Full PDB file with SEQRES, HELIX, SHEET, SSBOND, CRYST1, ORIGX, SCALE, CONECT and MASTER records, all heavy atoms in Angstrom:
SEQRES   1 A   35  ASN MET GLN VAL SER PHE LEU SER PRO PRO PHE GLY PRO          
SEQRES   2 A   35  ALA ALA PHE TYR LEU LYS SER VAL ALA PRO PRO ASP ILE          
SEQRES   3 A   35  THR LEU ALA THR ILE PHE ARG SER LEU                          
HELIX    1 AA1 MET A    2  LEU A    7  1                                   6    
HELIX    2 AA2 PRO A   13  LYS A   19  1                                   7    
HELIX    3 AA3 LEU A   28  SER A   34  1                                   7    
CRYST1    1.000    1.000    1.000  90.00  90.00  90.00 P 1           1          
ORIGX1      1.000000  0.000000  0.000000        0.00000                         
ORIGX2      0.000000  1.000000  0.000000        0.00000                         
ORIGX3      0.000000  0.000000  1.000000        0.00000                         
SCALE1      1.000000  0.000000  0.000000        0.00000                         
SCALE2      0.000000  1.000000  0.000000        0.00000                         
SCALE3      0.000000  0.000000  1.000000        0.00000                         
ATOM      1  N   ASN A   1     -41.906  58.319  69.231  1.00  0.00           N  
ATOM      2  CA  ASN A   1     -42.999  57.515  68.670  1.00  0.00           C  
ATOM      3  C   ASN A   1     -43.343  56.346  69.592  1.00  0.00           C  
ATOM      4  O   ASN A   1     -44.516  56.009  69.785  1.00  0.00           O  
ATOM      5  CB  ASN A   1     -42.581  56.994  67.283  1.00  0.00           C  
ATOM      6  CG  ASN A   1     -43.773  56.590  66.433  1.00  0.00           C  
ATOM      7  OD1 ASN A   1     -44.651  55.887  66.891  1.00  0.00           O  
ATOM      8  ND2 ASN A   1     -43.789  57.033  65.187  1.00  0.00           N  
ATOM      9  N   MET A   2     -42.312  55.752  70.199  1.00  0.00           N  
ATOM     10  CA  MET A   2     -42.547  54.636  71.126  1.00  0.00           C  
ATOM     11  C   MET A   2     -43.271  55.090  72.398  1.00  0.00           C  
ATOM     12  O   MET A   2     -43.940  54.315  73.051  1.00  0.00           O  
ATOM     13  CB  MET A   2     -41.236  53.932  71.481  1.00  0.00           C  
ATOM     14  CG  MET A   2     -40.624  53.111  70.353  1.00  0.00           C  
ATOM     15  SD  MET A   2     -41.730  51.810  69.709  1.00  0.00           S  
ATOM     16  CE  MET A   2     -42.404  52.578  68.241  1.00  0.00           C  
ATOM     17  N   GLN A   3     -43.120  56.379  72.741  1.00  0.00           N  
ATOM     18  CA  GLN A   3     -43.897  56.954  73.855  1.00  0.00           C  
ATOM     19  C   GLN A   3     -45.386  56.715  73.605  1.00  0.00           C  
ATOM     20  O   GLN A   3     -46.121  56.326  74.505  1.00  0.00           O  
ATOM     21  CB  GLN A   3     -43.674  58.479  73.909  1.00  0.00           C  
ATOM     22  CG  GLN A   3     -42.425  58.927  74.597  1.00  0.00           C  
ATOM     23  CD  GLN A   3     -42.572  58.934  76.098  1.00  0.00           C  
ATOM     24  OE1 GLN A   3     -43.521  59.461  76.646  1.00  0.00           O  
ATOM     25  NE2 GLN A   3     -41.626  58.328  76.767  1.00  0.00           N  
ATOM     26  N   VAL A   4     -45.807  56.964  72.356  1.00  0.00           N  
ATOM     27  CA  VAL A   4     -47.218  56.790  71.988  1.00  0.00           C  
ATOM     28  C   VAL A   4     -47.602  55.318  72.151  1.00  0.00           C  
ATOM     29  O   VAL A   4     -48.675  55.000  72.663  1.00  0.00           O  
ATOM     30  CB  VAL A   4     -47.487  57.265  70.535  1.00  0.00           C  
ATOM     31  CG1 VAL A   4     -48.963  57.188  70.203  1.00  0.00           C  
ATOM     32  CG2 VAL A   4     -46.959  58.683  70.312  1.00  0.00           C  
ATOM     33  N   SER A   5     -46.699  54.407  71.728  1.00  0.00           N  
ATOM     34  CA  SER A   5     -47.021  52.968  71.768  1.00  0.00           C  
ATOM     35  C   SER A   5     -47.242  52.478  73.201  1.00  0.00           C  
ATOM     36  O   SER A   5     -47.985  51.533  73.427  1.00  0.00           O  
ATOM     37  CB  SER A   5     -45.914  52.154  71.094  1.00  0.00           C  
ATOM     38  OG  SER A   5     -44.814  51.977  71.959  1.00  0.00           O  
ATOM     39  N   PHE A   6     -46.587  53.125  74.190  1.00  0.00           N  
ATOM     40  CA  PHE A   6     -46.762  52.700  75.583  1.00  0.00           C  
ATOM     41  C   PHE A   6     -48.166  53.012  76.100  1.00  0.00           C  
ATOM     42  O   PHE A   6     -48.636  52.388  77.036  1.00  0.00           O  
ATOM     43  CB  PHE A   6     -45.715  53.371  76.475  1.00  0.00           C  
ATOM     44  CG  PHE A   6     -44.380  52.686  76.456  1.00  0.00           C  
ATOM     45  CD1 PHE A   6     -43.265  53.315  75.957  1.00  0.00           C  
ATOM     46  CD2 PHE A   6     -44.249  51.388  76.925  1.00  0.00           C  
ATOM     47  CE1 PHE A   6     -42.036  52.675  75.922  1.00  0.00           C  
ATOM     48  CE2 PHE A   6     -43.025  50.733  76.902  1.00  0.00           C  
ATOM     49  CZ  PHE A   6     -41.921  51.376  76.393  1.00  0.00           C  
ATOM     50  N   LEU A   7     -48.813  54.012  75.487  1.00  0.00           N  
ATOM     51  CA  LEU A   7     -50.136  54.422  75.974  1.00  0.00           C  
ATOM     52  C   LEU A   7     -51.277  53.992  75.060  1.00  0.00           C  
ATOM     53  O   LEU A   7     -52.423  53.937  75.488  1.00  0.00           O  
ATOM     54  CB  LEU A   7     -50.192  55.955  76.116  1.00  0.00           C  
ATOM     55  CG  LEU A   7     -49.143  56.660  76.983  1.00  0.00           C  
ATOM     56  CD1 LEU A   7     -49.533  58.114  77.193  1.00  0.00           C  
ATOM     57  CD2 LEU A   7     -48.958  55.993  78.337  1.00  0.00           C  
ATOM     58  N   SER A   8     -50.982  53.700  73.774  1.00  0.00           N  
ATOM     59  CA  SER A   8     -52.062  53.527  72.795  1.00  0.00           C  
ATOM     60  C   SER A   8     -52.768  52.178  72.930  1.00  0.00           C  
ATOM     61  O   SER A   8     -52.112  51.154  73.142  1.00  0.00           O  
ATOM     62  CB  SER A   8     -51.538  53.708  71.372  1.00  0.00           C  
ATOM     63  OG  SER A   8     -50.510  52.776  71.117  1.00  0.00           O  
ATOM     64  N   PRO A   9     -54.120  52.177  72.819  1.00  0.00           N  
ATOM     65  CA  PRO A   9     -54.861  50.923  72.836  1.00  0.00           C  
ATOM     66  C   PRO A   9     -54.567  50.146  71.547  1.00  0.00           C  
ATOM     67  O   PRO A   9     -54.135  50.748  70.583  1.00  0.00           O  
ATOM     68  CB  PRO A   9     -56.325  51.393  72.883  1.00  0.00           C  
ATOM     69  CG  PRO A   9     -56.316  52.819  72.443  1.00  0.00           C  
ATOM     70  CD  PRO A   9     -54.942  53.354  72.693  1.00  0.00           C  
ATOM     71  N   PRO A  10     -54.784  48.827  71.479  1.00  0.00           N  
ATOM     72  CA  PRO A  10     -55.383  47.993  72.528  1.00  0.00           C  
ATOM     73  C   PRO A  10     -54.372  47.389  73.513  1.00  0.00           C  
ATOM     74  O   PRO A  10     -54.766  46.792  74.497  1.00  0.00           O  
ATOM     75  CB  PRO A  10     -56.043  46.878  71.715  1.00  0.00           C  
ATOM     76  CG  PRO A  10     -55.173  46.749  70.497  1.00  0.00           C  
ATOM     77  CD  PRO A  10     -54.633  48.118  70.203  1.00  0.00           C  
ATOM     78  N   PHE A  11     -53.036  47.503  73.220  1.00  0.00           N  
ATOM     79  CA  PHE A  11     -52.066  46.796  74.063  1.00  0.00           C  
ATOM     80  C   PHE A  11     -51.081  47.729  74.759  1.00  0.00           C  
ATOM     81  O   PHE A  11     -49.974  47.311  75.099  1.00  0.00           O  
ATOM     82  CB  PHE A  11     -51.290  45.752  73.233  1.00  0.00           C  
ATOM     83  CG  PHE A  11     -52.152  44.688  72.623  1.00  0.00           C  
ATOM     84  CD1 PHE A  11     -52.220  44.531  71.243  1.00  0.00           C  
ATOM     85  CD2 PHE A  11     -52.929  43.866  73.421  1.00  0.00           C  
ATOM     86  CE1 PHE A  11     -53.028  43.557  70.676  1.00  0.00           C  
ATOM     87  CE2 PHE A  11     -53.733  42.889  72.857  1.00  0.00           C  
ATOM     88  CZ  PHE A  11     -53.795  42.732  71.484  1.00  0.00           C  
ATOM     89  N   GLY A  12     -51.447  49.000  74.975  1.00  0.00           N  
ATOM     90  CA  GLY A  12     -50.532  49.951  75.624  1.00  0.00           C  
ATOM     91  C   GLY A  12     -50.061  49.422  76.974  1.00  0.00           C  
ATOM     92  O   GLY A  12     -50.871  49.309  77.908  1.00  0.00           O  
ATOM     93  N   PRO A  13     -48.768  49.052  77.120  1.00  0.00           N  
ATOM     94  CA  PRO A  13     -48.320  48.415  78.365  1.00  0.00           C  
ATOM     95  C   PRO A  13     -48.517  49.276  79.602  1.00  0.00           C  
ATOM     96  O   PRO A  13     -48.806  48.745  80.681  1.00  0.00           O  
ATOM     97  CB  PRO A  13     -46.828  48.141  78.130  1.00  0.00           C  
ATOM     98  CG  PRO A  13     -46.461  48.760  76.840  1.00  0.00           C  
ATOM     99  CD  PRO A  13     -47.691  49.181  76.128  1.00  0.00           C  
ATOM    100  N   ALA A  14     -48.388  50.612  79.477  1.00  0.00           N  
ATOM    101  CA  ALA A  14     -48.534  51.489  80.651  1.00  0.00           C  
ATOM    102  C   ALA A  14     -49.916  51.302  81.300  1.00  0.00           C  
ATOM    103  O   ALA A  14     -50.039  51.307  82.527  1.00  0.00           O  
ATOM    104  CB  ALA A  14     -48.320  52.948  80.256  1.00  0.00           C  
ATOM    105  N   ALA A  15     -50.947  51.126  80.460  1.00  0.00           N  
ATOM    106  CA  ALA A  15     -52.316  50.945  80.972  1.00  0.00           C  
ATOM    107  C   ALA A  15     -52.419  49.650  81.779  1.00  0.00           C  
ATOM    108  O   ALA A  15     -53.042  49.614  82.843  1.00  0.00           O  
ATOM    109  CB  ALA A  15     -53.308  50.924  79.808  1.00  0.00           C  
ATOM    110  N   PHE A  16     -51.766  48.587  81.297  1.00  0.00           N  
ATOM    111  CA  PHE A  16     -51.827  47.295  81.987  1.00  0.00           C  
ATOM    112  C   PHE A  16     -51.020  47.327  83.290  1.00  0.00           C  
ATOM    113  O   PHE A  16     -51.425  46.726  84.282  1.00  0.00           O  
ATOM    114  CB  PHE A  16     -51.348  46.174  81.062  1.00  0.00           C  
ATOM    115  CG  PHE A  16     -52.328  45.878  79.956  1.00  0.00           C  
ATOM    116  CD1 PHE A  16     -52.230  46.507  78.717  1.00  0.00           C  
ATOM    117  CD2 PHE A  16     -53.376  44.992  80.161  1.00  0.00           C  
ATOM    118  CE1 PHE A  16     -53.146  46.254  77.708  1.00  0.00           C  
ATOM    119  CE2 PHE A  16     -54.296  44.714  79.155  1.00  0.00           C  
ATOM    120  CZ  PHE A  16     -54.186  45.356  77.920  1.00  0.00           C  
ATOM    121  N   TYR A  17     -49.870  48.037  83.248  1.00  0.00           N  
ATOM    122  CA  TYR A  17     -49.077  48.183  84.488  1.00  0.00           C  
ATOM    123  C   TYR A  17     -49.910  48.888  85.555  1.00  0.00           C  
ATOM    124  O   TYR A  17     -49.917  48.492  86.715  1.00  0.00           O  
ATOM    125  CB  TYR A  17     -47.804  48.999  84.221  1.00  0.00           C  
ATOM    126  CG  TYR A  17     -46.736  48.290  83.421  1.00  0.00           C  
ATOM    127  CD1 TYR A  17     -46.088  48.932  82.367  1.00  0.00           C  
ATOM    128  CD2 TYR A  17     -46.351  46.991  83.732  1.00  0.00           C  
ATOM    129  CE1 TYR A  17     -45.099  48.287  81.624  1.00  0.00           C  
ATOM    130  CE2 TYR A  17     -45.367  46.344  83.006  1.00  0.00           C  
ATOM    131  CZ  TYR A  17     -44.751  46.991  81.956  1.00  0.00           C  
ATOM    132  OH  TYR A  17     -43.772  46.362  81.232  1.00  0.00           O  
ATOM    133  N   LEU A  18     -50.605  49.966  85.157  1.00  0.00           N  
ATOM    134  CA  LEU A  18     -51.392  50.730  86.129  1.00  0.00           C  
ATOM    135  C   LEU A  18     -52.584  49.904  86.626  1.00  0.00           C  
ATOM    136  O   LEU A  18     -52.896  49.924  87.816  1.00  0.00           O  
ATOM    137  CB  LEU A  18     -51.875  52.058  85.520  1.00  0.00           C  
ATOM    138  CG  LEU A  18     -52.659  52.947  86.491  1.00  0.00           C  
ATOM    139  CD1 LEU A  18     -51.792  53.374  87.676  1.00  0.00           C  
ATOM    140  CD2 LEU A  18     -53.211  54.181  85.800  1.00  0.00           C  
ATOM    141  N   LYS A  19     -53.218  49.168  85.712  1.00  0.00           N  
ATOM    142  CA  LYS A  19     -54.393  48.366  86.082  1.00  0.00           C  
ATOM    143  C   LYS A  19     -54.026  47.365  87.186  1.00  0.00           C  
ATOM    144  O   LYS A  19     -54.841  47.065  88.067  1.00  0.00           O  
ATOM    145  CB  LYS A  19     -54.912  47.632  84.841  1.00  0.00           C  
ATOM    146  CG  LYS A  19     -56.129  46.740  85.102  1.00  0.00           C  
ATOM    147  CD  LYS A  19     -57.368  47.544  85.462  1.00  0.00           C  
ATOM    148  CE  LYS A  19     -58.533  46.654  85.841  1.00  0.00           C  
ATOM    149  NZ  LYS A  19     -58.993  46.835  87.192  1.00  0.00           N  
ATOM    150  N   SER A  20     -52.770  46.877  87.169  1.00  0.00           N  
ATOM    151  CA  SER A  20     -52.351  45.874  88.160  1.00  0.00           C  
ATOM    152  C   SER A  20     -52.317  46.433  89.582  1.00  0.00           C  
ATOM    153  O   SER A  20     -52.371  45.668  90.548  1.00  0.00           O  
ATOM    154  CB  SER A  20     -50.980  45.302  87.787  1.00  0.00           C  
ATOM    155  OG  SER A  20     -49.981  46.309  87.908  1.00  0.00           O  
ATOM    156  N   VAL A  21     -52.229  47.776  89.733  1.00  0.00           N  
ATOM    157  CA  VAL A  21     -52.167  48.364  91.084  1.00  0.00           C  
ATOM    158  C   VAL A  21     -53.281  49.384  91.352  1.00  0.00           C  
ATOM    159  O   VAL A  21     -53.368  49.936  92.447  1.00  0.00           O  
ATOM    160  CB  VAL A  21     -50.792  49.050  91.328  1.00  0.00           C  
ATOM    161  CG1 VAL A  21     -49.677  48.021  91.366  1.00  0.00           C  
ATOM    162  CG2 VAL A  21     -50.493  50.124  90.289  1.00  0.00           C  
ATOM    163  N   ALA A  22     -54.145  49.629  90.352  1.00  0.00           N  
ATOM    164  CA  ALA A  22     -55.208  50.645  90.501  1.00  0.00           C  
ATOM    165  C   ALA A  22     -56.373  50.092  91.320  1.00  0.00           C  
ATOM    166  O   ALA A  22     -56.547  48.869  91.406  1.00  0.00           O  
ATOM    167  CB  ALA A  22     -55.700  51.079  89.125  1.00  0.00           C  
ATOM    168  N   PRO A  23     -57.188  50.974  91.934  1.00  0.00           N  
ATOM    169  CA  PRO A  23     -58.386  50.511  92.644  1.00  0.00           C  
ATOM    170  C   PRO A  23     -59.307  49.716  91.709  1.00  0.00           C  
ATOM    171  O   PRO A  23     -59.319  49.966  90.500  1.00  0.00           O  
ATOM    172  CB  PRO A  23     -59.066  51.824  93.070  1.00  0.00           C  
ATOM    173  CG  PRO A  23     -57.969  52.839  93.080  1.00  0.00           C  
ATOM    174  CD  PRO A  23     -57.009  52.431  92.009  1.00  0.00           C  
ATOM    175  N   PRO A  24     -60.081  48.767  92.249  1.00  0.00           N  
ATOM    176  CA  PRO A  24     -60.912  47.873  91.406  1.00  0.00           C  
ATOM    177  C   PRO A  24     -61.909  48.606  90.510  1.00  0.00           C  
ATOM    178  O   PRO A  24     -62.270  48.102  89.443  1.00  0.00           O  
ATOM    179  CB  PRO A  24     -61.658  47.008  92.435  1.00  0.00           C  
ATOM    180  CG  PRO A  24     -60.899  47.157  93.709  1.00  0.00           C  
ATOM    181  CD  PRO A  24     -60.200  48.468  93.667  1.00  0.00           C  
ATOM    182  N   ASP A  25     -62.382  49.816  90.947  1.00  0.00           N  
ATOM    183  CA  ASP A  25     -63.401  50.519  90.151  1.00  0.00           C  
ATOM    184  C   ASP A  25     -62.813  51.179  88.895  1.00  0.00           C  
ATOM    185  O   ASP A  25     -63.557  51.648  88.040  1.00  0.00           O  
ATOM    186  CB  ASP A  25     -64.124  51.577  91.005  1.00  0.00           C  
ATOM    187  CG  ASP A  25     -63.160  52.631  91.539  1.00  0.00           C  
ATOM    188  OD1 ASP A  25     -62.109  52.226  92.075  1.00  0.00           O  
ATOM    189  OD2 ASP A  25     -63.457  53.836  91.411  1.00  0.00           O  
ATOM    190  N   ILE A  26     -61.479  51.215  88.772  1.00  0.00           N  
ATOM    191  CA  ILE A  26     -60.852  51.804  87.576  1.00  0.00           C  
ATOM    192  C   ILE A  26     -60.615  50.684  86.567  1.00  0.00           C  
ATOM    193  O   ILE A  26     -59.777  49.807  86.751  1.00  0.00           O  
ATOM    194  CB  ILE A  26     -59.525  52.529  87.935  1.00  0.00           C  
ATOM    195  CG1 ILE A  26     -59.831  53.755  88.803  1.00  0.00           C  
ATOM    196  CG2 ILE A  26     -58.765  52.937  86.683  1.00  0.00           C  
ATOM    197  CD1 ILE A  26     -58.610  54.512  89.286  1.00  0.00           C  
ATOM    198  N   THR A  27     -61.388  50.720  85.464  1.00  0.00           N  
ATOM    199  CA  THR A  27     -61.306  49.665  84.448  1.00  0.00           C  
ATOM    200  C   THR A  27     -60.261  50.038  83.390  1.00  0.00           C  
ATOM    201  O   THR A  27     -59.820  51.192  83.314  1.00  0.00           O  
ATOM    202  CB  THR A  27     -62.662  49.480  83.751  1.00  0.00           C  
ATOM    203  OG1 THR A  27     -62.998  50.724  83.085  1.00  0.00           O  
ATOM    204  CG2 THR A  27     -63.757  49.136  84.743  1.00  0.00           C  
ATOM    205  N   LEU A  28     -59.908  49.057  82.566  1.00  0.00           N  
ATOM    206  CA  LEU A  28     -58.965  49.316  81.462  1.00  0.00           C  
ATOM    207  C   LEU A  28     -59.545  50.342  80.491  1.00  0.00           C  
ATOM    208  O   LEU A  28     -58.822  51.191  79.969  1.00  0.00           O  
ATOM    209  CB  LEU A  28     -58.661  48.011  80.708  1.00  0.00           C  
ATOM    210  CG  LEU A  28     -57.384  47.272  81.091  1.00  0.00           C  
ATOM    211  CD1 LEU A  28     -57.264  45.993  80.290  1.00  0.00           C  
ATOM    212  CD2 LEU A  28     -56.142  48.139  80.901  1.00  0.00           C  
ATOM    213  N   ALA A  29     -60.863  50.260  80.259  1.00  0.00           N  
ATOM    214  CA  ALA A  29     -61.514  51.218  79.349  1.00  0.00           C  
ATOM    215  C   ALA A  29     -61.364  52.642  79.888  1.00  0.00           C  
ATOM    216  O   ALA A  29     -61.079  53.584  79.132  1.00  0.00           O  
ATOM    217  CB  ALA A  29     -62.993  50.865  79.195  1.00  0.00           C  
ATOM    218  N   THR A  30     -61.524  52.820  81.208  1.00  0.00           N  
ATOM    219  CA  THR A  30     -61.359  54.138  81.850  1.00  0.00           C  
ATOM    220  C   THR A  30     -59.928  54.632  81.664  1.00  0.00           C  
ATOM    221  O   THR A  30     -59.692  55.807  81.348  1.00  0.00           O  
ATOM    222  CB  THR A  30     -61.679  54.048  83.362  1.00  0.00           C  
ATOM    223  OG1 THR A  30     -62.963  53.472  83.522  1.00  0.00           O  
ATOM    224  CG2 THR A  30     -61.629  55.415  84.029  1.00  0.00           C  
ATOM    225  N   ILE A  31     -58.952  53.713  81.857  1.00  0.00           N  
ATOM    226  CA  ILE A  31     -57.538  54.096  81.734  1.00  0.00           C  
ATOM    227  C   ILE A  31     -57.243  54.559  80.308  1.00  0.00           C  
ATOM    228  O   ILE A  31     -56.658  55.625  80.101  1.00  0.00           O  
ATOM    229  CB  ILE A  31     -56.610  52.930  82.146  1.00  0.00           C  
ATOM    230  CG1 ILE A  31     -56.781  52.621  83.644  1.00  0.00           C  
ATOM    231  CG2 ILE A  31     -55.149  53.255  81.849  1.00  0.00           C  
ATOM    232  CD1 ILE A  31     -56.058  51.369  84.126  1.00  0.00           C  
ATOM    233  N   PHE A  32     -57.658  53.762  79.313  1.00  0.00           N  
ATOM    234  CA  PHE A  32     -57.368  54.134  77.918  1.00  0.00           C  
ATOM    235  C   PHE A  32     -58.048  55.445  77.528  1.00  0.00           C  
ATOM    236  O   PHE A  32     -57.476  56.270  76.807  1.00  0.00           O  
ATOM    237  CB  PHE A  32     -57.771  53.007  76.960  1.00  0.00           C  
ATOM    238  CG  PHE A  32     -56.751  51.905  76.859  1.00  0.00           C  
ATOM    239  CD1 PHE A  32     -57.082  50.580  77.108  1.00  0.00           C  
ATOM    240  CD2 PHE A  32     -55.433  52.194  76.512  1.00  0.00           C  
ATOM    241  CE1 PHE A  32     -56.132  49.574  77.021  1.00  0.00           C  
ATOM    242  CE2 PHE A  32     -54.466  51.191  76.424  1.00  0.00           C  
ATOM    243  CZ  PHE A  32     -54.816  49.884  76.673  1.00  0.00           C  
ATOM    244  N   ARG A  33     -59.279  55.664  78.044  1.00  0.00           N  
ATOM    245  CA  ARG A  33     -59.983  56.929  77.751  1.00  0.00           C  
ATOM    246  C   ARG A  33     -59.225  58.103  78.374  1.00  0.00           C  
ATOM    247  O   ARG A  33     -59.120  59.166  77.776  1.00  0.00           O  
ATOM    248  CB  ARG A  33     -61.415  56.843  78.282  1.00  0.00           C  
ATOM    249  CG  ARG A  33     -62.339  57.917  77.718  1.00  0.00           C  
ATOM    250  CD  ARG A  33     -63.805  57.581  77.847  1.00  0.00           C  
ATOM    251  NE  ARG A  33     -64.226  57.330  79.222  1.00  0.00           N  
ATOM    252  CZ  ARG A  33     -64.620  56.152  79.681  1.00  0.00           C  
ATOM    253  NH1 ARG A  33     -64.641  55.094  78.892  1.00  0.00           N  
ATOM    254  NH2 ARG A  33     -65.001  55.992  80.931  1.00  0.00           N  
ATOM    255  N   SER A  34     -58.663  57.890  79.551  1.00  0.00           N  
ATOM    256  CA  SER A  34     -57.914  58.947  80.244  1.00  0.00           C  
ATOM    257  C   SER A  34     -56.630  59.317  79.510  1.00  0.00           C  
ATOM    258  O   SER A  34     -56.094  60.410  79.685  1.00  0.00           O  
ATOM    259  CB  SER A  34     -57.559  58.497  81.664  1.00  0.00           C  
ATOM    260  OG  SER A  34     -58.698  58.029  82.339  1.00  0.00           O  
ATOM    261  N   LEU A  35     -56.109  58.366  78.732  1.00  0.00           N  
ATOM    262  CA  LEU A  35     -54.803  58.567  78.087  1.00  0.00           C  
ATOM    263  C   LEU A  35     -54.894  59.336  76.770  1.00  0.00           C  
ATOM    264  O   LEU A  35     -53.868  59.793  76.258  1.00  0.00           O  
ATOM    265  CB  LEU A  35     -54.131  57.205  77.828  1.00  0.00           C  
ATOM    266  CG  LEU A  35     -53.746  56.405  79.075  1.00  0.00           C  
ATOM    267  CD1 LEU A  35     -53.139  55.071  78.688  1.00  0.00           C  
ATOM    268  CD2 LEU A  35     -52.778  57.186  79.947  1.00  0.00           C  
TER     269      LEU A  35                                                      
MASTER        0    0    0    3    0    0    0    6  268    1    0    3          
END                                                                             
């Protein structure tokens, strides 16, 4: 169940970790939609 929490919006930590190193054109909205 916690696996889901790492990816689920609005505060999924995995999305924020990736955003910190992703190319500038990849937005948080794009990441959450991809998940």
